[in-house]
């Protein structure tokens, strides 16, 4: 582990990666003469591709990250209000539990419900289905963390003392 400063930088870069994927489509889609629904579909496809490329990176022998930050960027660019609320939930759970995995799992579980309840300017059923699939992927990528949480061995990340450090 490189620590919170580097972790924060990597998190931010992963968010930007997902956001850029959808914003490029949003910017160029209309210039291609695409209809609003077609642009949304292309944004979802580009976003899911960015998430899958992160999670199953060919540069890392198809063993990439968990997809949380990249998903945050993707969906901030498509449905910002439910996404911002899910991020707020992530922060709250992180602060309470002192574990990133708890924030990530909790936000992923809540996210499709937030989307369905709050995403008014998009086809809710379609977007909710996509976000539910991404949330399921995020949760599956946290299987080892879930096992450690259940066994009480998941290490905290914030404010935790480590052996040999004060």
N, C-alpha and C. Protein backbone atom coordinates (compact mmCIF):
# COMPACT_ATOMS: atom_id res chain seq x y z
N UNK A 1 0.84 -1.18 0.00
CA UNK A 1 0.00 0.00 0.00
C UNK A 1 0.88 1.24 0.00
N UNK A 2 0.47 2.21 -0.79
CA UNK A 2 1.24 3.43 -0.89
C UNK A 2 0.73 4.53 0.02
N UNK A 3 -0.38 4.32 0.70
CA UNK A 3 -0.91 5.30 1.63
C UNK A 3 -2.06 6.11 1.06
N UNK A 4 -2.69 6.90 1.93
CA UNK A 4 -3.89 7.64 1.54
C UNK A 4 -3.64 8.71 0.47
N UNK A 5 -2.48 9.36 0.49
CA UNK A 5 -2.23 10.40 -0.49
C UNK A 5 -2.21 9.82 -1.90
N UNK A 6 -1.46 8.74 -2.10
CA UNK A 6 -1.39 8.10 -3.41
C UNK A 6 -2.72 7.42 -3.74
N UNK A 7 -3.36 6.85 -2.74
CA UNK A 7 -4.67 6.23 -2.95
C UNK A 7 -5.69 7.25 -3.44
N UNK A 8 -5.65 8.44 -2.85
CA UNK A 8 -6.55 9.51 -3.28
C UNK A 8 -6.29 9.95 -4.71
N UNK A 9 -5.01 10.02 -5.08
CA UNK A 9 -4.66 10.39 -6.45
C UNK A 9 -5.14 9.33 -7.44
N UNK A 10 -4.91 8.06 -7.13
CA UNK A 10 -5.36 6.97 -8.00
C UNK A 10 -6.88 6.98 -8.11
N UNK A 11 -7.56 7.20 -6.98
CA UNK A 11 -9.02 7.27 -6.98
C UNK A 11 -9.48 8.39 -7.92
N UNK A 12 -8.88 9.57 -7.80
CA UNK A 12 -9.26 10.70 -8.63
C UNK A 12 -9.02 10.42 -10.12
N UNK A 13 -7.88 9.81 -10.43
CA UNK A 13 -7.59 9.49 -11.83
C UNK A 13 -8.58 8.46 -12.39
N UNK A 14 -8.96 7.50 -11.57
CA UNK A 14 -9.95 6.50 -12.01
C UNK A 14 -11.32 7.14 -12.23
N UNK A 15 -11.69 8.09 -11.38
CA UNK A 15 -12.95 8.82 -11.58
C UNK A 15 -12.89 9.57 -12.90
N UNK A 16 -11.79 10.27 -13.14
CA UNK A 16 -11.64 11.04 -14.38
C UNK A 16 -11.70 10.12 -15.60
N UNK A 17 -11.10 8.95 -15.49
CA UNK A 17 -11.13 7.98 -16.60
C UNK A 17 -12.57 7.66 -16.99
N UNK A 18 -13.41 7.37 -16.03
CA UNK A 18 -14.81 7.06 -16.32
C UNK A 18 -15.58 8.26 -16.82
N UNK A 19 -15.33 9.42 -16.22
CA UNK A 19 -16.03 10.63 -16.62
C UNK A 19 -15.68 11.03 -18.05
N UNK A 20 -14.41 10.96 -18.41
CA UNK A 20 -13.99 11.33 -19.76
C UNK A 20 -14.63 10.41 -20.80
N UNK A 21 -14.75 9.14 -20.49
CA UNK A 21 -15.34 8.19 -21.43
C UNK A 21 -16.75 8.61 -21.84
N UNK A 22 -17.55 9.05 -20.87
CA UNK A 22 -18.92 9.42 -21.21
C UNK A 22 -19.03 10.85 -21.72
N UNK A 23 -18.19 11.75 -21.23
CA UNK A 23 -18.26 13.14 -21.68
C UNK A 23 -17.83 13.28 -23.14
N UNK A 24 -16.88 12.46 -23.57
CA UNK A 24 -16.50 12.49 -24.99
C UNK A 24 -17.68 12.12 -25.88
N UNK A 25 -18.42 11.09 -25.46
CA UNK A 25 -19.59 10.69 -26.24
C UNK A 25 -20.65 11.78 -26.19
N UNK A 26 -20.88 12.36 -25.01
CA UNK A 26 -21.88 13.43 -24.88
C UNK A 26 -21.51 14.61 -25.77
N UNK A 27 -20.23 14.92 -25.85
CA UNK A 27 -19.78 16.07 -26.64
C UNK A 27 -19.88 15.81 -28.14
N UNK A 28 -19.39 14.64 -28.57
CA UNK A 28 -19.32 14.37 -30.00
C UNK A 28 -20.57 13.71 -30.57
N UNK A 29 -21.36 13.05 -29.74
CA UNK A 29 -22.55 12.35 -30.23
C UNK A 29 -23.51 13.21 -31.03
N UNK A 30 -23.90 14.37 -30.50
CA UNK A 30 -24.82 15.22 -31.27
C UNK A 30 -24.21 15.70 -32.61
N UNK A 31 -22.90 15.89 -32.65
CA UNK A 31 -22.28 16.34 -33.90
C UNK A 31 -22.32 15.23 -34.96
N UNK A 32 -22.53 14.00 -34.53
CA UNK A 32 -22.67 12.88 -35.48
C UNK A 32 -24.12 12.75 -35.94
N UNK A 33 -24.97 13.63 -35.43
CA UNK A 33 -26.38 13.58 -35.79
C UNK A 33 -27.17 12.56 -35.00
N UNK A 34 -26.62 12.09 -33.89
CA UNK A 34 -27.29 11.06 -33.10
C UNK A 34 -28.42 11.66 -32.27
N UNK A 35 -29.50 10.93 -32.13
CA UNK A 35 -30.63 11.33 -31.30
C UNK A 35 -30.25 11.21 -29.83
N UNK A 36 -31.01 11.89 -28.96
CA UNK A 36 -30.73 11.90 -27.52
C UNK A 36 -30.62 10.47 -26.95
N UNK A 37 -31.59 9.60 -27.27
CA UNK A 37 -31.57 8.23 -26.76
C UNK A 37 -30.35 7.46 -27.27
N UNK A 38 -29.95 7.73 -28.50
CA UNK A 38 -28.78 7.07 -29.07
C UNK A 38 -27.51 7.54 -28.35
N UNK A 39 -27.45 8.83 -28.05
CA UNK A 39 -26.28 9.37 -27.32
C UNK A 39 -26.24 8.75 -25.92
N UNK A 40 -27.38 8.65 -25.25
CA UNK A 40 -27.42 8.03 -23.93
C UNK A 40 -26.96 6.57 -24.00
N UNK A 41 -27.44 5.84 -24.98
CA UNK A 41 -27.03 4.44 -25.15
C UNK A 41 -25.52 4.35 -25.38
N UNK A 42 -25.00 5.25 -26.21
CA UNK A 42 -23.56 5.26 -26.48
C UNK A 42 -22.77 5.65 -25.22
N UNK A 43 -23.30 6.57 -24.43
CA UNK A 43 -22.65 6.94 -23.17
C UNK A 43 -22.61 5.75 -22.21
N UNK A 44 -23.73 5.04 -22.11
CA UNK A 44 -23.76 3.86 -21.24
C UNK A 44 -22.77 2.80 -21.74
N UNK A 45 -22.73 2.60 -23.05
CA UNK A 45 -21.80 1.60 -23.62
C UNK A 45 -20.35 2.01 -23.37
N UNK A 46 -20.03 3.28 -23.59
CA UNK A 46 -18.66 3.75 -23.35
C UNK A 46 -18.31 3.64 -21.87
N UNK A 47 -19.27 3.97 -21.02
CA UNK A 47 -19.03 3.89 -19.58
C UNK A 47 -18.80 2.46 -19.11
N UNK A 48 -19.66 1.56 -19.56
CA UNK A 48 -19.49 0.15 -19.18
C UNK A 48 -18.17 -0.39 -19.73
N UNK A 49 -17.79 0.03 -20.94
CA UNK A 49 -16.50 -0.40 -21.50
C UNK A 49 -15.35 0.11 -20.64
N UNK A 50 -15.43 1.35 -20.17
CA UNK A 50 -14.38 1.89 -19.30
C UNK A 50 -14.30 1.11 -18.00
N UNK A 51 -15.45 0.79 -17.42
CA UNK A 51 -15.49 0.03 -16.16
C UNK A 51 -14.91 -1.37 -16.37
N UNK A 52 -15.37 -2.05 -17.42
CA UNK A 52 -14.87 -3.41 -17.69
C UNK A 52 -13.38 -3.39 -18.02
N UNK A 53 -12.93 -2.37 -18.75
CA UNK A 53 -11.51 -2.24 -19.05
C UNK A 53 -10.68 -2.02 -17.80
N UNK A 54 -11.27 -1.35 -16.81
CA UNK A 54 -10.57 -1.14 -15.54
C UNK A 54 -10.55 -2.43 -14.71
N UNK A 55 -11.69 -3.08 -14.64
CA UNK A 55 -11.81 -4.28 -13.80
C UNK A 55 -11.06 -5.47 -14.39
N UNK A 56 -11.09 -5.59 -15.71
CA UNK A 56 -10.43 -6.71 -16.39
C UNK A 56 -9.34 -6.18 -17.32
N UNK A 57 -8.41 -5.45 -16.75
CA UNK A 57 -7.37 -4.80 -17.54
C UNK A 57 -6.45 -5.81 -18.23
N UNK A 58 -6.33 -5.70 -19.55
CA UNK A 58 -5.39 -6.61 -20.25
C UNK A 58 -3.95 -6.34 -19.85
N UNK A 59 -3.65 -5.14 -19.36
CA UNK A 59 -2.30 -4.80 -18.94
C UNK A 59 -1.94 -5.47 -17.62
N UNK A 60 -2.95 -5.91 -16.89
CA UNK A 60 -2.74 -6.57 -15.60
C UNK A 60 -3.23 -8.01 -15.63
N UNK A 61 -3.11 -8.64 -16.80
CA UNK A 61 -3.55 -10.02 -16.99
C UNK A 61 -5.01 -10.21 -16.60
N UNK A 62 -5.81 -9.23 -16.95
CA UNK A 62 -7.26 -9.23 -16.73
C UNK A 62 -7.64 -9.27 -15.25
N UNK A 63 -6.74 -8.78 -14.41
CA UNK A 63 -7.01 -8.68 -12.97
C UNK A 63 -6.79 -7.22 -12.57
N UNK A 64 -7.80 -6.40 -12.80
CA UNK A 64 -7.68 -4.98 -12.49
C UNK A 64 -8.30 -4.64 -11.16
N UNK A 65 -8.85 -3.43 -11.07
CA UNK A 65 -9.42 -2.94 -9.83
C UNK A 65 -10.84 -3.43 -9.60
N UNK A 66 -11.49 -2.79 -8.66
CA UNK A 66 -12.85 -3.20 -8.30
C UNK A 66 -13.92 -2.39 -9.02
N UNK A 67 -13.53 -1.32 -9.69
CA UNK A 67 -14.45 -0.57 -10.52
C UNK A 67 -15.24 0.52 -9.83
N UNK A 68 -14.98 0.78 -8.57
CA UNK A 68 -15.78 1.74 -7.81
C UNK A 68 -15.55 3.17 -8.33
N UNK A 69 -14.31 3.61 -8.39
CA UNK A 69 -14.03 4.99 -8.78
C UNK A 69 -14.36 5.23 -10.25
N UNK A 70 -14.04 4.27 -11.10
CA UNK A 70 -14.37 4.43 -12.52
C UNK A 70 -15.88 4.50 -12.71
N UNK A 71 -16.62 3.68 -11.98
CA UNK A 71 -18.08 3.74 -12.04
C UNK A 71 -18.60 5.09 -11.55
N UNK A 72 -17.99 5.62 -10.52
CA UNK A 72 -18.37 6.94 -10.01
C UNK A 72 -18.23 7.97 -11.13
N UNK A 73 -17.11 7.97 -11.82
CA UNK A 73 -16.91 8.91 -12.91
C UNK A 73 -17.90 8.73 -14.04
N UNK A 74 -18.12 7.48 -14.43
CA UNK A 74 -19.06 7.19 -15.52
C UNK A 74 -20.44 7.75 -15.19
N UNK A 75 -20.94 7.41 -14.02
CA UNK A 75 -22.32 7.77 -13.72
C UNK A 75 -22.48 9.21 -13.26
N UNK A 76 -21.40 9.87 -12.80
CA UNK A 76 -21.48 11.31 -12.56
C UNK A 76 -21.75 12.03 -13.87
N UNK A 77 -21.22 11.51 -14.96
CA UNK A 77 -21.41 12.11 -16.27
C UNK A 77 -22.78 11.82 -16.88
N UNK A 78 -23.48 10.83 -16.37
CA UNK A 78 -24.77 10.45 -16.95
C UNK A 78 -25.93 10.84 -16.04
N UNK A 79 -25.86 10.47 -14.78
CA UNK A 79 -26.94 10.75 -13.83
C UNK A 79 -26.32 11.28 -12.53
N UNK A 80 -25.97 12.56 -12.51
CA UNK A 80 -25.16 13.10 -11.41
C UNK A 80 -25.83 13.09 -10.03
N UNK A 81 -27.12 13.32 -9.92
CA UNK A 81 -27.72 13.45 -8.59
C UNK A 81 -27.72 12.13 -7.81
N UNK A 82 -28.26 11.02 -8.35
CA UNK A 82 -28.18 9.78 -7.58
C UNK A 82 -26.74 9.33 -7.37
N UNK A 83 -25.86 9.65 -8.30
CA UNK A 83 -24.46 9.25 -8.18
C UNK A 83 -23.78 10.03 -7.06
N UNK A 84 -24.05 11.32 -6.99
CA UNK A 84 -23.48 12.13 -5.90
C UNK A 84 -23.99 11.65 -4.54
N UNK A 85 -25.25 11.26 -4.48
CA UNK A 85 -25.79 10.74 -3.21
C UNK A 85 -25.14 9.41 -2.84
N UNK A 86 -24.91 8.56 -3.83
CA UNK A 86 -24.22 7.29 -3.55
C UNK A 86 -22.79 7.55 -3.07
N UNK A 87 -22.13 8.54 -3.67
CA UNK A 87 -20.78 8.89 -3.23
C UNK A 87 -20.80 9.42 -1.79
N UNK A 88 -21.81 10.24 -1.47
CA UNK A 88 -21.96 10.73 -0.10
C UNK A 88 -22.15 9.56 0.87
N UNK A 89 -22.96 8.59 0.48
CA UNK A 89 -23.15 7.39 1.30
C UNK A 89 -21.82 6.66 1.47
N UNK A 90 -21.04 6.55 0.39
CA UNK A 90 -19.72 5.91 0.44
C UNK A 90 -18.84 6.61 1.48
N UNK A 91 -18.82 7.94 1.43
CA UNK A 91 -17.99 8.71 2.37
C UNK A 91 -18.46 8.47 3.81
N UNK A 92 -19.76 8.51 4.05
CA UNK A 92 -20.30 8.31 5.40
C UNK A 92 -19.94 6.93 5.91
N UNK A 93 -20.14 5.90 5.09
CA UNK A 93 -19.81 4.54 5.52
C UNK A 93 -18.32 4.37 5.76
N UNK A 94 -17.51 5.01 4.94
CA UNK A 94 -16.05 4.97 5.13
C UNK A 94 -15.67 5.61 6.46
N UNK A 95 -16.24 6.77 6.75
CA UNK A 95 -15.92 7.46 7.99
C UNK A 95 -16.38 6.68 9.22
N UNK A 96 -17.55 6.06 9.12
CA UNK A 96 -18.08 5.30 10.25
C UNK A 96 -17.28 4.01 10.46
N UNK A 97 -17.05 3.28 9.39
CA UNK A 97 -16.43 1.95 9.50
C UNK A 97 -14.91 1.97 9.46
N UNK A 98 -14.35 3.05 8.92
CA UNK A 98 -12.90 3.15 8.68
C UNK A 98 -12.41 2.13 7.66
N UNK A 99 -13.34 1.68 6.79
CA UNK A 99 -13.01 0.68 5.78
C UNK A 99 -13.59 1.10 4.42
N UNK A 100 -12.71 1.22 3.44
CA UNK A 100 -13.14 1.58 2.09
C UNK A 100 -14.12 0.54 1.56
N UNK A 101 -13.87 -0.71 1.84
CA UNK A 101 -14.72 -1.78 1.31
C UNK A 101 -16.16 -1.65 1.80
N UNK A 102 -16.35 -1.24 3.04
CA UNK A 102 -17.71 -1.08 3.57
C UNK A 102 -18.42 0.04 2.81
N UNK A 103 -17.72 1.14 2.57
CA UNK A 103 -18.30 2.23 1.80
C UNK A 103 -18.66 1.79 0.40
N UNK A 104 -17.76 1.06 -0.23
CA UNK A 104 -17.96 0.62 -1.61
C UNK A 104 -19.13 -0.35 -1.73
N UNK A 105 -19.18 -1.32 -0.85
CA UNK A 105 -20.25 -2.32 -0.88
C UNK A 105 -21.60 -1.67 -0.56
N UNK A 106 -21.63 -0.84 0.48
CA UNK A 106 -22.88 -0.17 0.86
C UNK A 106 -23.41 0.74 -0.23
N UNK A 107 -22.53 1.51 -0.84
CA UNK A 107 -22.94 2.41 -1.92
C UNK A 107 -23.42 1.61 -3.13
N UNK A 108 -22.73 0.52 -3.44
CA UNK A 108 -23.14 -0.32 -4.58
C UNK A 108 -24.51 -0.93 -4.34
N UNK A 109 -24.77 -1.37 -3.11
CA UNK A 109 -26.08 -1.95 -2.80
C UNK A 109 -27.20 -0.91 -2.93
N UNK A 110 -26.95 0.31 -2.51
CA UNK A 110 -27.98 1.35 -2.52
C UNK A 110 -28.15 1.99 -3.89
N UNK A 111 -27.11 1.96 -4.71
CA UNK A 111 -27.10 2.76 -5.93
C UNK A 111 -28.25 2.50 -6.91
N UNK A 112 -28.55 1.26 -7.28
CA UNK A 112 -29.67 1.07 -8.22
C UNK A 112 -31.00 1.62 -7.69
N UNK A 113 -31.20 1.56 -6.38
CA UNK A 113 -32.43 2.09 -5.79
C UNK A 113 -32.46 3.62 -5.88
N UNK A 114 -31.30 4.25 -5.64
CA UNK A 114 -31.20 5.70 -5.79
C UNK A 114 -31.47 6.11 -7.24
N UNK A 115 -30.91 5.35 -8.16
CA UNK A 115 -31.12 5.65 -9.58
C UNK A 115 -32.59 5.54 -9.94
N UNK A 116 -33.21 4.46 -9.54
CA UNK A 116 -34.63 4.26 -9.88
C UNK A 116 -35.50 5.37 -9.28
N UNK A 117 -35.18 5.78 -8.06
CA UNK A 117 -36.00 6.79 -7.38
C UNK A 117 -35.74 8.20 -7.91
N UNK A 118 -34.52 8.49 -8.34
CA UNK A 118 -34.16 9.89 -8.61
C UNK A 118 -33.82 10.24 -10.05
N UNK A 119 -33.56 9.26 -10.88
CA UNK A 119 -33.17 9.56 -12.27
C UNK A 119 -34.42 9.80 -13.10
N UNK A 120 -34.76 11.05 -13.31
CA UNK A 120 -36.02 11.40 -13.98
C UNK A 120 -35.83 11.70 -15.47
N UNK A 121 -34.64 12.12 -15.88
CA UNK A 121 -34.44 12.58 -17.25
C UNK A 121 -33.90 11.50 -18.19
N UNK A 122 -33.91 10.28 -17.74
CA UNK A 122 -33.40 9.16 -18.54
C UNK A 122 -34.42 8.01 -18.45
N UNK A 123 -34.35 7.06 -19.39
CA UNK A 123 -35.22 5.87 -19.26
C UNK A 123 -34.82 5.09 -18.00
N UNK A 124 -35.59 5.27 -16.93
CA UNK A 124 -35.20 4.74 -15.62
C UNK A 124 -34.97 3.25 -15.59
N UNK A 125 -35.82 2.49 -16.23
CA UNK A 125 -35.68 1.03 -16.16
C UNK A 125 -34.36 0.58 -16.79
N UNK A 126 -34.05 1.14 -17.94
CA UNK A 126 -32.80 0.77 -18.64
C UNK A 126 -31.59 1.18 -17.82
N UNK A 127 -31.58 2.43 -17.38
CA UNK A 127 -30.43 2.93 -16.63
C UNK A 127 -30.31 2.21 -15.28
N UNK A 128 -31.43 1.93 -14.66
CA UNK A 128 -31.39 1.18 -13.39
C UNK A 128 -30.83 -0.23 -13.63
N UNK A 129 -31.22 -0.87 -14.71
CA UNK A 129 -30.70 -2.20 -15.02
C UNK A 129 -29.19 -2.16 -15.23
N UNK A 130 -28.70 -1.16 -15.95
CA UNK A 130 -27.25 -1.04 -16.18
C UNK A 130 -26.54 -0.79 -14.85
N UNK A 131 -27.08 0.12 -14.04
CA UNK A 131 -26.41 0.42 -12.77
C UNK A 131 -26.48 -0.77 -11.82
N UNK A 132 -27.54 -1.54 -11.88
CA UNK A 132 -27.64 -2.74 -11.04
C UNK A 132 -26.59 -3.77 -11.47
N UNK A 133 -26.38 -3.92 -12.78
CA UNK A 133 -25.35 -4.85 -13.26
C UNK A 133 -23.96 -4.40 -12.83
N UNK A 134 -23.70 -3.11 -12.92
CA UNK A 134 -22.39 -2.58 -12.49
C UNK A 134 -22.24 -2.74 -10.98
N UNK A 135 -23.30 -2.47 -10.23
CA UNK A 135 -23.25 -2.63 -8.77
C UNK A 135 -22.96 -4.08 -8.40
N UNK A 136 -23.59 -5.01 -9.11
CA UNK A 136 -23.34 -6.43 -8.86
C UNK A 136 -21.88 -6.78 -9.14
N UNK A 137 -21.33 -6.25 -10.23
CA UNK A 137 -19.92 -6.47 -10.54
C UNK A 137 -19.03 -5.93 -9.43
N UNK A 138 -19.32 -4.73 -8.96
CA UNK A 138 -18.52 -4.13 -7.87
C UNK A 138 -18.59 -5.01 -6.62
N UNK A 139 -19.77 -5.49 -6.28
CA UNK A 139 -19.92 -6.34 -5.09
C UNK A 139 -19.17 -7.66 -5.28
N UNK A 140 -19.29 -8.27 -6.45
CA UNK A 140 -18.55 -9.52 -6.71
C UNK A 140 -17.05 -9.32 -6.62
N UNK A 141 -16.57 -8.15 -7.06
CA UNK A 141 -15.14 -7.86 -6.98
C UNK A 141 -14.69 -7.67 -5.53
N UNK A 142 -15.62 -7.50 -4.62
CA UNK A 142 -15.31 -7.33 -3.20
C UNK A 142 -15.51 -8.62 -2.40
N UNK A 143 -15.58 -9.75 -3.07
CA UNK A 143 -15.83 -11.02 -2.37
C UNK A 143 -14.81 -11.28 -1.26
N UNK A 144 -13.53 -11.06 -1.55
CA UNK A 144 -12.50 -11.29 -0.53
C UNK A 144 -12.68 -10.32 0.64
N UNK A 145 -13.04 -9.08 0.34
CA UNK A 145 -13.28 -8.11 1.41
C UNK A 145 -14.46 -8.53 2.27
N UNK A 146 -15.51 -9.03 1.63
CA UNK A 146 -16.69 -9.47 2.37
C UNK A 146 -16.32 -10.62 3.30
N UNK A 147 -15.52 -11.55 2.81
CA UNK A 147 -15.08 -12.66 3.68
C UNK A 147 -14.31 -12.13 4.88
N UNK A 148 -13.40 -11.17 4.64
CA UNK A 148 -12.62 -10.61 5.75
C UNK A 148 -13.51 -9.81 6.70
N UNK A 149 -14.49 -9.10 6.18
CA UNK A 149 -15.42 -8.37 7.05
C UNK A 149 -16.18 -9.33 7.95
N UNK A 150 -16.66 -10.42 7.36
CA UNK A 150 -17.42 -11.41 8.14
C UNK A 150 -16.56 -12.10 9.19
N UNK A 151 -15.28 -12.28 8.88
CA UNK A 151 -14.39 -12.94 9.85
C UNK A 151 -13.73 -11.95 10.81
N UNK A 152 -13.98 -10.66 10.59
CA UNK A 152 -13.41 -9.64 11.47
C UNK A 152 -11.95 -9.33 11.19
N UNK A 153 -11.46 -9.68 10.01
CA UNK A 153 -10.04 -9.47 9.71
C UNK A 153 -9.80 -8.39 8.65
N UNK A 154 -10.84 -7.71 8.19
CA UNK A 154 -10.66 -6.63 7.20
C UNK A 154 -9.99 -5.45 7.89
N UNK A 155 -8.81 -5.06 7.42
CA UNK A 155 -8.11 -3.97 8.10
C UNK A 155 -8.74 -2.62 7.83
N UNK A 156 -8.71 -1.74 8.83
CA UNK A 156 -9.20 -0.38 8.61
C UNK A 156 -8.16 0.41 7.80
N UNK A 157 -8.62 1.50 7.20
CA UNK A 157 -7.69 2.29 6.39
C UNK A 157 -7.47 3.68 6.95
N UNK A 158 -8.46 4.23 7.63
CA UNK A 158 -8.35 5.60 8.12
C UNK A 158 -8.14 5.61 9.62
N UNK A 159 -7.14 6.34 10.06
CA UNK A 159 -6.92 6.51 11.48
C UNK A 159 -6.52 5.25 12.21
N UNK A 160 -6.11 4.24 11.45
CA UNK A 160 -5.73 2.98 12.08
C UNK A 160 -4.24 2.98 12.36
N UNK A 161 -3.88 2.47 13.50
CA UNK A 161 -2.46 2.31 13.81
C UNK A 161 -1.97 1.01 13.21
N UNK A 162 -0.80 1.09 12.65
CA UNK A 162 -0.17 -0.11 12.11
C UNK A 162 1.02 -0.47 12.97
N UNK A 163 1.35 -1.73 12.97
CA UNK A 163 2.48 -2.19 13.78
C UNK A 163 3.73 -1.40 13.43
N UNK A 164 4.43 -0.92 14.44
CA UNK A 164 5.68 -0.20 14.24
C UNK A 164 5.48 1.27 13.89
N UNK A 165 4.25 1.71 13.80
CA UNK A 165 3.97 3.11 13.48
C UNK A 165 3.11 3.70 14.57
N UNK A 166 3.26 4.98 14.78
CA UNK A 166 2.41 5.61 15.79
C UNK A 166 1.54 6.67 15.18
